[in-house]
Amino acid sequence: MAAEQKEHKAKKEKIARQDMPEQKPDVRKRNFDEVPFGYTPELAQKEAQRCLQCKRPSCVEGCPVNINIPAFIKLIAEGKFTEAARKIKEENALPAVCGRVCPQEAQCEGNCILGAKGKDKPVAIGNLERFAADWEREHKEVTVPQIKDATHKRVAVVGSGPAGLTVAGELRKFGHEVTVFEALHKSGGVLVYGIPEFRLPKSIVQSEVDYLSKMGIKIVNNYIVGNTRTVDELFADGYDAIFVGSGAGAPMFLNIPGENLNGVFSANEYLTRSNLMKAYKFPEYDTPIIKGKRVATIGGGNVAMDSARTALRLGADESYIVYRRSMNELPARIAEVHHAEQEGINFKILTLPTRIIGDENGFVKGIECQKMELGEPDESGRRRPVPVKGSEFILDVDTVVVAIGNTPNPLIPSTTPDIKTTKYGTIIAEEGSGLTTKSKVFAGGDVVTGAATVILAMGAGKKAAKAIDDMLKS
């Protein structure tokens, strides 16, 4: 038996990882269509056959929502694509989203045994998840999961981002009545305002939201909790528990001279105008945006890559990433950096902006920068950038996008004094349950951790949903 298993594994290891077909860089950098085309059924099955079907799958340990990864991949290998999607949805209500934007290389795929020793590439778990979800949707085979008997308990969810949607879906399956309150006119939170169309089509997000609506979840848009109604007023309205998943949508800036010049954007504004308000379709959509010809994006995360790549698609002749560390320290996903490089984004690494320079009319005309070198590691474990004396130079640009991070909006804590926050403005919540310092109020996602990933927010949402359910049943 052991010899047969060894031979079985050896055969699977001979199959090369199947790349996902995608638009050519010189074509896609001037359109907002999704970059990858997705797997064909044949490619998906071939990739699924690479899975070793480990008895103790470490890939599952790397998944914040604990999807049964070997099980859904086995179903794909057998050609049971709809069944694979339903297997994923047992643990994850947003598979089409996660398959596109999760940092799989640091989570499930990062734990894959195939890639563990560097002799082979890990199974393309994210690509397979996307394939299964897309197949189910495109073939109109989406079905609502079984809902437990009604408990007649009411839960308010603040925010329709990844954490909020996950909490809502889980609580509805438990039989509770759930209402999601969203401040914006479209549901999806960061999925609709923060991630560009070419990386996550908004029709995909809408289909995931529609799936939750079919489960019986009520979603109310244009409703600002903390303004329209406070947390305490929601309790007075008859809600038995409240989950706060309002994200981290307040931008951070460098606090350098010139940040108030015309042509300086926070990444939040830049991407929201383009994504949610569809400025890229101007004048079809009446949302103006400065379409700079030489655009510098400051930062090195996924949001920075999204901004720099958006600038190209809005017509920039030159789009720069200005980052104070080296390429090795970039926090963005490997795939996003790869796509940015393919599209011709100019990386100004080991470069620190010190001043934004304006013309006589108050518009950006350049950035004063200083070259850096890497010193000893800081508290994050990355080598600290140290200024190089006499290395100052001017980068000629007409638009600057600041993408160095976000903090939570203070509205809910400021209108609910017994919800305590950290010095960074994040809500204090118990790690395992999401319970805040206010009774019956839970929180999770970026509003607790600060800006992080979609899947980590979903993981926090699942834990909070279980804790809320336990509390409501006690």
Protein backbone atom coordinates (compact mmCIF):
# COMPACT_ATOMS: atom_id res chain seq x y z
CA MET A 1 0.00 0.00 0.00
CA ALA A 2 2.81 2.43 0.92
CA ALA A 3 4.54 1.73 -2.40
CA GLU A 4 1.28 2.40 -4.30
CA GLN A 5 0.82 5.73 -2.51
CA LYS A 6 4.40 6.69 -3.31
CA GLU A 7 3.88 5.87 -6.98
CA HIS A 8 0.56 7.74 -6.95
CA LYS A 9 2.24 10.87 -5.56
CA ALA A 10 5.12 10.61 -8.03
CA LYS A 11 2.70 10.60 -10.95
CA LYS A 12 0.91 13.69 -9.66
CA GLU A 13 4.13 15.56 -9.14
CA LYS A 14 4.93 15.17 -12.85
CA ILE A 15 1.99 17.41 -13.80
CA ALA A 16 3.15 21.01 -14.08
CA ARG A 17 1.12 23.74 -12.40
CA GLN A 18 -1.44 25.06 -14.87
CA ASP A 19 -1.16 28.78 -15.48
CA MET A 20 -4.41 30.70 -15.84
CA PRO A 21 -4.85 32.29 -19.28
CA GLU A 22 -4.92 36.09 -19.14
CA GLN A 23 -4.94 39.24 -21.23
CA LYS A 24 -1.62 40.32 -22.70
CA PRO A 25 0.00 43.17 -20.72
CA ASP A 26 0.09 45.68 -23.59
CA VAL A 27 -3.65 45.17 -24.16
CA ARG A 28 -4.94 45.00 -20.59
CA LYS A 29 -3.07 48.04 -19.29
CA ARG A 30 -5.45 50.21 -21.30
CA ASN A 31 -8.72 48.54 -20.31
CA PHE A 32 -10.55 47.75 -17.08
CA ASP A 33 -11.54 44.19 -18.02
CA GLU A 34 -10.52 41.42 -15.65
CA VAL A 35 -6.91 40.36 -16.28
CA PRO A 36 -7.17 36.54 -15.96
CA PHE A 37 -9.71 34.71 -18.11
CA GLY A 38 -10.08 31.81 -15.66
CA TYR A 39 -9.52 28.09 -16.10
CA THR A 40 -11.27 26.01 -18.73
CA PRO A 41 -12.78 22.78 -17.33
CA GLU A 42 -9.87 20.86 -18.84
CA LEU A 43 -7.23 23.06 -17.17
CA ALA A 44 -9.09 22.95 -13.86
CA GLN A 45 -9.27 19.17 -13.84
CA LYS A 46 -5.62 18.87 -14.81
CA GLU A 47 -4.57 21.21 -12.01
CA ALA A 48 -6.85 19.43 -9.53
CA GLN A 49 -5.11 16.15 -10.33
CA ARG A 50 -1.90 17.58 -8.86
CA CYS A 51 -3.41 17.55 -5.34
CA LEU A 52 -1.89 14.79 -3.20
CA GLN A 53 -5.06 14.45 -1.10
CA CYS A 54 -3.03 14.53 2.11
CA LYS A 55 -4.53 12.74 5.12
CA ARG A 56 -3.52 15.68 7.30
CA PRO A 57 -3.89 18.61 4.90
CA SER A 58 -1.74 21.51 6.01
CA CYS A 59 -3.42 23.71 3.37
CA VAL A 60 -6.60 23.70 5.49
CA GLU A 61 -4.59 24.86 8.50
CA GLY A 62 -3.47 27.85 6.43
CA CYS A 63 -7.04 28.84 5.52
CA PRO A 64 -8.62 31.37 7.92
CA VAL A 65 -12.11 30.00 7.19
CA ASN A 66 -11.09 26.31 7.19
CA ILE A 67 -12.38 25.26 3.78
CA ASN A 68 -12.10 21.50 3.17
CA ILE A 69 -9.62 22.09 0.37
CA PRO A 70 -8.77 18.47 -0.58
CA ALA A 71 -12.48 17.60 -0.76
CA PHE A 72 -13.44 20.39 -3.18
CA ILE A 73 -10.35 19.80 -5.33
CA LYS A 74 -11.16 16.08 -5.55
CA LEU A 75 -14.65 16.98 -6.79
CA ILE A 76 -13.14 19.20 -9.49
CA ALA A 77 -10.79 16.39 -10.55
CA GLU A 78 -13.88 14.17 -10.91
CA GLY A 79 -15.67 16.79 -13.02
CA LYS A 80 -18.21 17.54 -10.28
CA PHE A 81 -17.82 21.30 -10.52
CA THR A 82 -21.09 22.43 -8.95
CA GLU A 83 -20.59 20.02 -6.06
CA ALA A 84 -17.12 21.50 -5.57
CA ALA A 85 -18.59 25.00 -5.28
CA ARG A 86 -21.12 23.82 -2.73
CA LYS A 87 -18.41 22.09 -0.72
CA ILE A 88 -16.50 25.39 -0.55
CA LYS A 89 -19.65 27.26 0.48
CA GLU A 90 -20.04 25.06 3.52
CA GLU A 91 -17.32 27.27 5.04
CA ASN A 92 -17.01 30.28 2.72
CA ALA A 93 -19.92 32.35 1.41
CA LEU A 94 -17.70 34.40 -0.95
CA PRO A 95 -15.63 31.89 -2.98
CA ALA A 96 -15.64 33.86 -6.24
CA VAL A 97 -14.17 36.82 -4.34
CA CYS A 98 -11.63 34.84 -2.33
CA GLY A 99 -10.44 32.91 -5.36
CA ARG A 100 -9.50 36.25 -6.91
CA VAL A 101 -8.07 38.38 -4.10
CA CYS A 102 -6.84 36.15 -1.27
CA PRO A 103 -3.07 36.02 -0.65
CA GLN A 104 -3.00 32.26 -1.20
CA GLU A 105 0.80 32.20 -1.38
CA ALA A 106 0.92 33.18 2.31
CA GLN A 107 -1.96 30.96 3.41
CA CYS A 108 -3.37 27.76 1.87
CA GLU A 109 -0.91 27.48 -1.03
CA GLY A 110 1.93 28.54 1.24
CA ASN A 111 1.21 25.43 3.32
CA CYS A 112 0.80 23.05 0.36
CA ILE A 113 3.07 20.00 0.68
CA LEU A 114 3.88 20.07 -3.05
CA GLY A 115 5.59 23.42 -2.72
CA ALA A 116 7.01 22.87 0.76
CA LYS A 117 10.49 21.81 -0.29
CA GLY A 118 10.76 24.12 -3.27
CA LYS A 119 10.98 21.23 -5.76
CA ASP A 120 7.53 21.85 -7.19
CA LYS A 121 4.91 24.61 -7.23
CA PRO A 122 1.95 24.36 -4.84
CA VAL A 123 -1.49 23.42 -6.12
CA ALA A 124 -3.27 26.50 -7.50
CA ILE A 125 -5.95 26.41 -4.80
CA GLY A 126 -7.14 29.97 -5.39
CA ASN A 127 -7.53 29.46 -9.14
CA LEU A 128 -9.52 26.27 -8.52
CA GLU A 129 -11.76 28.00 -5.97
CA ARG A 130 -12.48 30.75 -8.47
CA PHE A 131 -13.21 28.20 -11.20
CA ALA A 132 -15.73 26.28 -9.08
CA ALA A 133 -17.54 29.43 -7.95
CA ASP A 134 -17.67 30.85 -11.49
CA TRP A 135 -18.93 27.55 -12.89
CA GLU A 136 -21.79 27.39 -10.39
CA ARG A 137 -22.80 31.00 -11.08
CA GLU A 138 -22.43 30.90 -14.88
CA HIS A 139 -24.44 27.68 -15.11
CA LYS A 140 -27.17 29.12 -12.84
CA GLU A 141 -26.80 26.29 -10.36
CA VAL A 142 -26.50 28.46 -7.22
CA THR A 143 -28.70 27.12 -4.44
CA VAL A 144 -29.46 28.50 -0.98
CA PRO A 145 -28.00 26.46 1.90
CA GLN A 146 -30.23 24.88 4.50
CA ILE A 147 -31.42 27.36 7.13
CA LYS A 148 -32.07 26.11 10.67
CA ASP A 149 -35.42 26.70 12.36
CA ALA A 150 -36.14 30.35 13.14
CA THR A 151 -34.85 31.52 16.52
CA HIS A 152 -36.67 34.87 16.28
CA LYS A 153 -33.47 36.57 17.43
CA ARG A 154 -32.47 39.72 15.54
CA VAL A 155 -28.89 40.70 14.74
CA ALA A 156 -27.72 44.00 13.21
CA VAL A 157 -24.53 43.89 11.15
CA VAL A 158 -22.76 47.19 10.55
CA GLY A 159 -20.93 47.17 7.22
CA SER A 160 -21.29 44.93 4.16
CA GLY A 161 -17.62 44.22 3.62
CA PRO A 162 -16.06 40.74 3.90
CA ALA A 163 -16.42 40.50 7.70
CA GLY A 164 -20.00 41.75 7.74
CA LEU A 165 -21.18 39.55 4.86
CA THR A 166 -19.56 36.50 6.44
CA VAL A 167 -21.16 37.13 9.84
CA ALA A 168 -24.52 37.69 8.17
CA GLY A 169 -24.34 34.45 6.18
CA GLU A 170 -23.28 32.33 9.14
CA LEU A 171 -25.90 33.79 11.50
CA ARG A 172 -28.64 33.33 8.94
CA LYS A 173 -27.74 29.63 8.60
CA PHE A 174 -28.13 29.38 12.38
CA GLY A 175 -31.73 30.59 11.98
CA HIS A 176 -31.39 34.19 13.18
CA GLU A 177 -32.91 37.26 11.50
CA VAL A 178 -30.11 39.40 10.11
CA THR A 179 -30.08 42.98 8.80
CA VAL A 180 -26.93 44.43 7.26
CA PHE A 181 -26.55 48.22 7.35
CA GLU A 182 -24.26 49.72 4.71
CA ALA A 183 -23.25 53.40 4.65
CA LEU A 184 -22.66 53.50 0.88
CA HIS A 185 -25.16 53.12 -1.96
CA LYS A 186 -23.70 49.76 -3.04
CA SER A 187 -23.10 46.69 -0.88
CA GLY A 188 -19.70 45.05 -0.61
CA GLY A 189 -17.57 47.49 1.35
CA VAL A 190 -13.93 47.46 0.30
CA LEU A 191 -14.79 44.87 -2.35
CA VAL A 192 -16.67 47.52 -4.35
CA TYR A 193 -14.89 50.76 -3.48
CA GLY A 194 -11.32 49.58 -2.98
CA ILE A 195 -10.51 46.78 -5.44
CA PRO A 196 -10.42 47.68 -9.16
CA GLU A 197 -12.66 46.12 -11.78
CA PHE A 198 -9.69 44.50 -13.53
CA ARG A 199 -8.93 42.52 -10.36
CA LEU A 200 -12.44 41.95 -9.01
CA PRO A 201 -15.40 42.66 -11.31
CA LYS A 202 -18.24 44.30 -9.43
CA SER A 203 -20.75 41.91 -11.01
CA ILE A 204 -18.98 39.14 -9.07
CA VAL A 205 -19.40 41.01 -5.79
CA GLN A 206 -23.06 41.70 -6.57
CA SER A 207 -23.70 38.02 -7.26
CA GLU A 208 -22.23 37.11 -3.86
CA VAL A 209 -24.40 39.77 -2.18
CA ASP A 210 -27.45 38.47 -4.07
CA TYR A 211 -26.70 34.97 -2.79
CA LEU A 212 -26.90 36.24 0.79
CA SER A 213 -30.11 38.12 0.04
CA LYS A 214 -31.65 34.88 -1.24
CA MET A 215 -30.84 33.35 2.13
CA GLY A 216 -33.21 35.88 3.69
CA ILE A 217 -30.70 38.48 4.84
CA LYS A 218 -31.98 42.05 4.66
CA ILE A 219 -29.44 44.57 3.33
CA VAL A 220 -30.08 48.29 3.86
CA ASN A 221 -27.86 50.74 1.96
CA ASN A 222 -27.32 54.48 2.57
CA TYR A 223 -27.58 53.85 6.31
CA ILE A 224 -24.82 55.26 8.50
CA VAL A 225 -24.74 53.61 11.92
CA GLY A 226 -23.55 56.27 14.34
CA ASN A 227 -25.44 58.90 12.37
CA THR A 228 -28.71 57.53 10.97
CA ARG A 229 -29.06 55.50 14.17
CA THR A 230 -26.53 54.86 16.93
CA VAL A 231 -25.62 51.44 18.30
CA ASP A 232 -27.74 52.07 21.39
CA GLU A 233 -30.68 53.11 19.24
CA LEU A 234 -30.40 49.85 17.27
CA PHE A 235 -30.72 47.95 20.55
CA ALA A 236 -33.76 50.09 21.35
CA ASP A 237 -35.17 49.06 17.96
CA GLY A 238 -35.19 45.46 19.15
CA TYR A 239 -31.90 43.96 17.99
CA ASP A 240 -30.50 41.27 20.29
CA ALA A 241 -26.87 41.59 19.18
CA ILE A 242 -24.78 43.86 16.97
CA PHE A 243 -21.69 43.11 14.91
CA VAL A 244 -19.46 46.01 13.83
CA GLY A 245 -17.57 45.32 10.62
CA SER A 246 -17.20 48.87 9.37
CA GLY A 247 -13.65 48.38 8.09
CA ALA A 248 -10.76 50.80 7.96
CA GLY A 249 -11.69 53.43 5.43
CA ALA A 250 -10.01 56.55 6.80
CA PRO A 251 -6.80 57.30 4.86
CA MET A 252 -3.35 57.91 6.33
CA PHE A 253 -0.95 60.52 4.96
CA LEU A 254 2.79 61.12 5.08
CA ASN A 255 2.50 64.55 6.74
CA ILE A 256 5.06 66.07 4.40
CA PRO A 257 4.92 69.53 2.79
CA GLY A 258 2.72 69.75 -0.30
CA GLU A 259 0.13 67.09 0.51
CA ASN A 260 -2.63 69.71 0.16
CA LEU A 261 -1.75 70.50 -3.48
CA ASN A 262 -4.18 69.87 -6.33
CA GLY A 263 -3.43 66.46 -7.80
CA VAL A 264 -2.70 64.73 -4.50
CA PHE A 265 -5.14 61.92 -3.66
CA SER A 266 -5.47 59.39 -0.92
CA ALA A 267 -5.70 55.94 -2.46
CA ASN A 268 -9.16 55.68 -0.87
CA GLU A 269 -10.48 58.64 -2.84
CA TYR A 270 -8.65 57.72 -6.04
CA LEU A 271 -9.91 54.14 -6.08
CA THR A 272 -13.41 54.97 -4.80
CA ARG A 273 -13.90 57.53 -7.57
CA SER A 274 -12.73 55.01 -10.16
CA ASN A 275 -14.29 51.80 -8.78
CA LEU A 276 -17.51 52.64 -6.98
CA MET A 277 -18.31 55.88 -8.82
CA LYS A 278 -16.98 54.60 -12.17
CA ALA A 279 -14.86 57.62 -13.07
CA TYR A 280 -13.08 55.43 -15.62
CA LYS A 281 -16.31 55.55 -17.67
CA PHE A 282 -16.52 59.38 -17.65
CA PRO A 283 -18.59 61.04 -19.15
CA GLU A 284 -21.00 58.06 -19.17
CA TYR A 285 -20.75 58.31 -15.37
CA ASP A 286 -20.52 61.91 -14.19
CA THR A 287 -17.57 61.40 -11.81
CA PRO A 288 -14.55 63.60 -12.56
CA ILE A 289 -11.03 62.45 -11.74
CA ILE A 290 -7.63 63.88 -12.58
CA LYS A 291 -6.14 61.68 -15.29
CA GLY A 292 -2.48 62.44 -14.74
CA LYS A 293 0.14 61.71 -17.37
CA ARG A 294 2.93 61.04 -14.84
CA VAL A 295 1.51 59.49 -11.69
CA ALA A 296 3.43 58.49 -8.55
CA THR A 297 1.83 56.10 -6.06
CA ILE A 298 3.50 56.10 -2.64
CA GLY A 299 3.40 52.71 -0.91
CA GLY A 300 4.09 49.05 -1.60
CA GLY A 301 0.93 47.09 -0.68
CA ASN A 302 -1.93 45.76 -2.77
CA VAL A 303 -3.70 49.13 -2.62
CA ALA A 304 -0.59 50.81 -4.05
CA MET A 305 -0.44 48.27 -6.90
CA ASP A 306 -4.15 48.80 -7.58
CA SER A 307 -3.67 52.58 -7.70
CA ALA A 308 -0.61 52.48 -9.95
CA ARG A 309 -2.27 50.05 -12.37
CA THR A 310 -5.47 52.12 -12.36
CA ALA A 311 -3.43 55.21 -13.31
CA LEU A 312 -2.18 53.42 -16.43
CA ARG A 313 -5.71 52.48 -17.41
CA LEU A 314 -6.86 56.07 -16.92
CA GLY A 315 -4.29 57.13 -19.51
CA ALA A 316 -1.01 57.79 -17.69
CA ASP A 317 2.12 57.68 -19.85
CA GLU A 318 4.22 56.83 -16.79
CA SER A 319 3.07 55.27 -13.53
CA TYR A 320 5.51 54.95 -10.63
CA ILE A 321 5.54 53.00 -7.37
CA VAL A 322 7.60 54.94 -4.83
CA TYR A 323 8.59 52.65 -1.96
CA ARG A 324 11.10 53.20 0.80
CA ARG A 325 12.23 49.57 1.06
CA SER A 326 13.41 47.05 -1.56
CA MET A 327 11.42 44.72 -3.82
CA ASN A 328 11.95 41.91 -1.32
CA GLU A 329 10.03 43.82 1.36
CA LEU A 330 7.01 44.73 -0.77
CA PRO A 331 3.91 43.66 1.21
CA ALA A 332 1.75 43.31 -1.93
CA ARG A 333 0.75 39.90 -3.26
CA ILE A 334 3.34 38.32 -5.56
CA ALA A 335 0.76 38.10 -8.35
CA GLU A 336 -0.08 41.81 -8.12
CA VAL A 337 3.58 42.85 -8.23
CA HIS A 338 4.14 40.50 -11.19
CA HIS A 339 1.20 41.97 -13.09
CA ALA A 340 2.35 45.52 -12.31
CA GLU A 341 5.84 44.77 -13.63
CA GLN A 342 4.40 43.18 -16.78
CA GLU A 343 2.31 46.29 -17.42
CA GLY A 344 5.32 48.57 -17.20
CA ILE A 345 4.87 50.13 -13.76
CA ASN A 346 8.14 51.88 -12.89
CA PHE A 347 9.32 50.83 -9.42
CA LYS A 348 11.29 53.52 -7.58
CA ILE A 349 12.41 51.38 -4.68
CA LEU A 350 14.53 52.44 -1.70
CA THR A 351 13.05 55.88 -2.24
CA LEU A 352 11.46 58.14 0.38
CA PRO A 353 9.31 61.15 -0.61
CA THR A 354 10.19 64.19 1.52
CA ARG A 355 8.20 66.97 -0.17
CA ILE A 356 5.57 67.38 -2.88
CA ILE A 357 6.33 70.33 -5.13
CA GLY A 358 3.65 72.55 -6.70
CA ASP A 359 3.53 75.02 -9.55
CA GLU A 360 2.36 78.63 -9.39
CA ASN A 361 -1.28 77.51 -9.74
CA GLY A 362 -1.17 75.06 -6.83
CA PHE A 363 -0.92 71.87 -8.89
CA VAL A 364 1.59 69.06 -8.41
CA LYS A 365 4.69 69.25 -10.59
CA GLY A 366 7.07 66.91 -8.78
CA ILE A 367 8.17 65.03 -5.68
CA GLU A 368 11.40 65.62 -3.83
CA CYS A 369 12.78 62.22 -2.85
CA GLN A 370 15.73 60.77 -0.98
CA LYS A 371 17.40 57.45 -1.71
CA MET A 372 17.47 54.91 1.12
CA GLU A 373 19.51 51.87 2.09
CA LEU A 374 18.47 48.99 4.32
CA GLY A 375 19.77 48.90 7.87
CA GLU A 376 18.94 46.62 10.80
CA PRO A 377 15.49 44.95 11.11
CA ASP A 378 12.73 46.95 12.84
CA GLU A 379 9.81 45.68 14.96
CA SER A 380 8.11 44.26 11.84
CA GLY A 381 11.12 42.06 11.13
CA ARG A 382 11.93 43.93 7.92
CA ARG A 383 15.20 45.81 7.53
CA ARG A 384 14.76 49.46 8.43
CA PRO A 385 15.30 51.97 5.58
CA VAL A 386 18.04 54.52 6.36
CA PRO A 387 18.54 57.78 4.35
CA VAL A 388 21.58 58.03 2.08
CA LYS A 389 23.27 61.39 2.61
CA GLY A 390 23.29 63.72 -0.39
CA SER A 391 21.04 61.47 -2.51
CA GLU A 392 18.10 63.87 -2.93
CA PHE A 393 16.46 64.11 -6.36
CA ILE A 394 13.25 65.37 -7.99
CA LEU A 395 10.76 63.00 -9.65
CA ASP A 396 8.71 64.88 -12.25
CA VAL A 397 5.04 63.95 -11.81
CA ASP A 398 1.67 65.71 -12.07
CA THR A 399 -0.36 63.41 -9.80
CA VAL A 400 0.41 61.75 -6.45
CA VAL A 401 -1.56 58.93 -4.83
CA VAL A 402 -0.80 58.20 -1.17
CA ALA A 403 -1.31 54.49 -0.39
CA ILE A 404 0.42 53.95 2.94
CA GLY A 405 -2.47 52.50 4.95
CA ASN A 406 -5.85 53.22 6.52
CA THR A 407 -7.42 53.57 9.93
CA PRO A 408 -11.02 52.94 11.08
CA ASN A 409 -13.59 55.70 10.91
CA PRO A 410 -14.13 56.93 14.51
CA LEU A 411 -17.88 57.49 14.09
CA ILE A 412 -19.16 54.39 15.93
CA PRO A 413 -16.77 54.59 18.94
CA SER A 414 -17.41 58.35 19.21
CA THR A 415 -21.18 57.77 19.42
CA THR A 416 -20.86 54.69 21.64
CA PRO A 417 -18.52 55.67 24.51
CA ASP A 418 -18.51 52.21 26.12
CA ILE A 419 -16.91 50.71 23.00
CA LYS A 420 -13.22 51.10 23.77
CA THR A 421 -10.51 51.57 21.15
CA THR A 422 -6.74 51.32 20.95
CA LYS A 423 -4.49 54.33 20.44
CA TYR A 424 -4.66 53.55 16.72
CA GLY A 425 -8.46 53.87 16.66
CA THR A 426 -9.14 50.16 16.23
CA ILE A 427 -11.92 48.63 18.33
CA ILE A 428 -10.77 46.45 21.22
CA ALA A 429 -12.29 42.98 20.85
CA GLU A 430 -11.59 39.51 22.23
CA GLU A 431 -9.54 37.49 19.76
CA GLY A 432 -11.60 34.31 19.83
CA SER A 433 -15.08 35.81 19.89
CA GLY A 434 -14.90 39.42 18.70
CA LEU A 435 -16.74 40.59 21.83
CA THR A 436 -16.07 44.28 22.46
CA THR A 437 -16.07 46.13 25.78
CA LYS A 438 -19.81 46.74 25.31
CA SER A 439 -22.22 43.93 26.15
CA LYS A 440 -23.75 42.16 23.13
CA VAL A 441 -21.62 44.16 20.66
CA PHE A 442 -19.07 42.24 18.63
CA ALA A 443 -16.54 43.45 16.06
CA GLY A 444 -14.16 41.98 13.52
CA GLY A 445 -12.14 42.61 10.39
CA ASP A 446 -10.19 45.78 9.64
CA VAL A 447 -12.03 47.81 12.29
CA VAL A 448 -10.26 45.58 14.85
CA THR A 449 -6.99 44.63 13.15
CA GLY A 450 -6.41 47.67 10.99
CA ALA A 451 -6.18 47.22 7.21
CA ALA A 452 -5.58 43.54 6.44
CA THR A 453 -6.81 40.93 3.93
CA VAL A 454 -10.30 39.94 2.83
CA ILE A 455 -9.92 36.37 4.07
CA LEU A 456 -8.65 37.39 7.51
CA ALA A 457 -11.70 39.61 7.90
CA MET A 458 -13.88 36.68 6.90
CA GLY A 459 -12.14 34.43 9.41
CA ALA A 460 -12.86 36.95 12.15
CA GLY A 461 -16.46 37.09 10.97
CA LYS A 462 -16.88 33.33 11.28
CA LYS A 463 -15.52 33.31 14.83
CA ALA A 464 -17.78 36.19 15.82
CA ALA A 465 -20.83 34.52 14.28
CA LYS A 466 -20.23 31.40 16.38
CA ALA A 467 -19.82 33.52 19.53
CA ILE A 468 -22.97 35.53 18.78
CA ASP A 469 -24.93 32.33 18.16
CA ASP A 470 -23.71 30.85 21.44
CA MET A 471 -24.71 34.03 23.30
CA LEU A 472 -28.18 34.19 21.72
CA LYS A 473 -28.87 30.56 22.58
CA SER A 474 -27.66 30.79 26.16
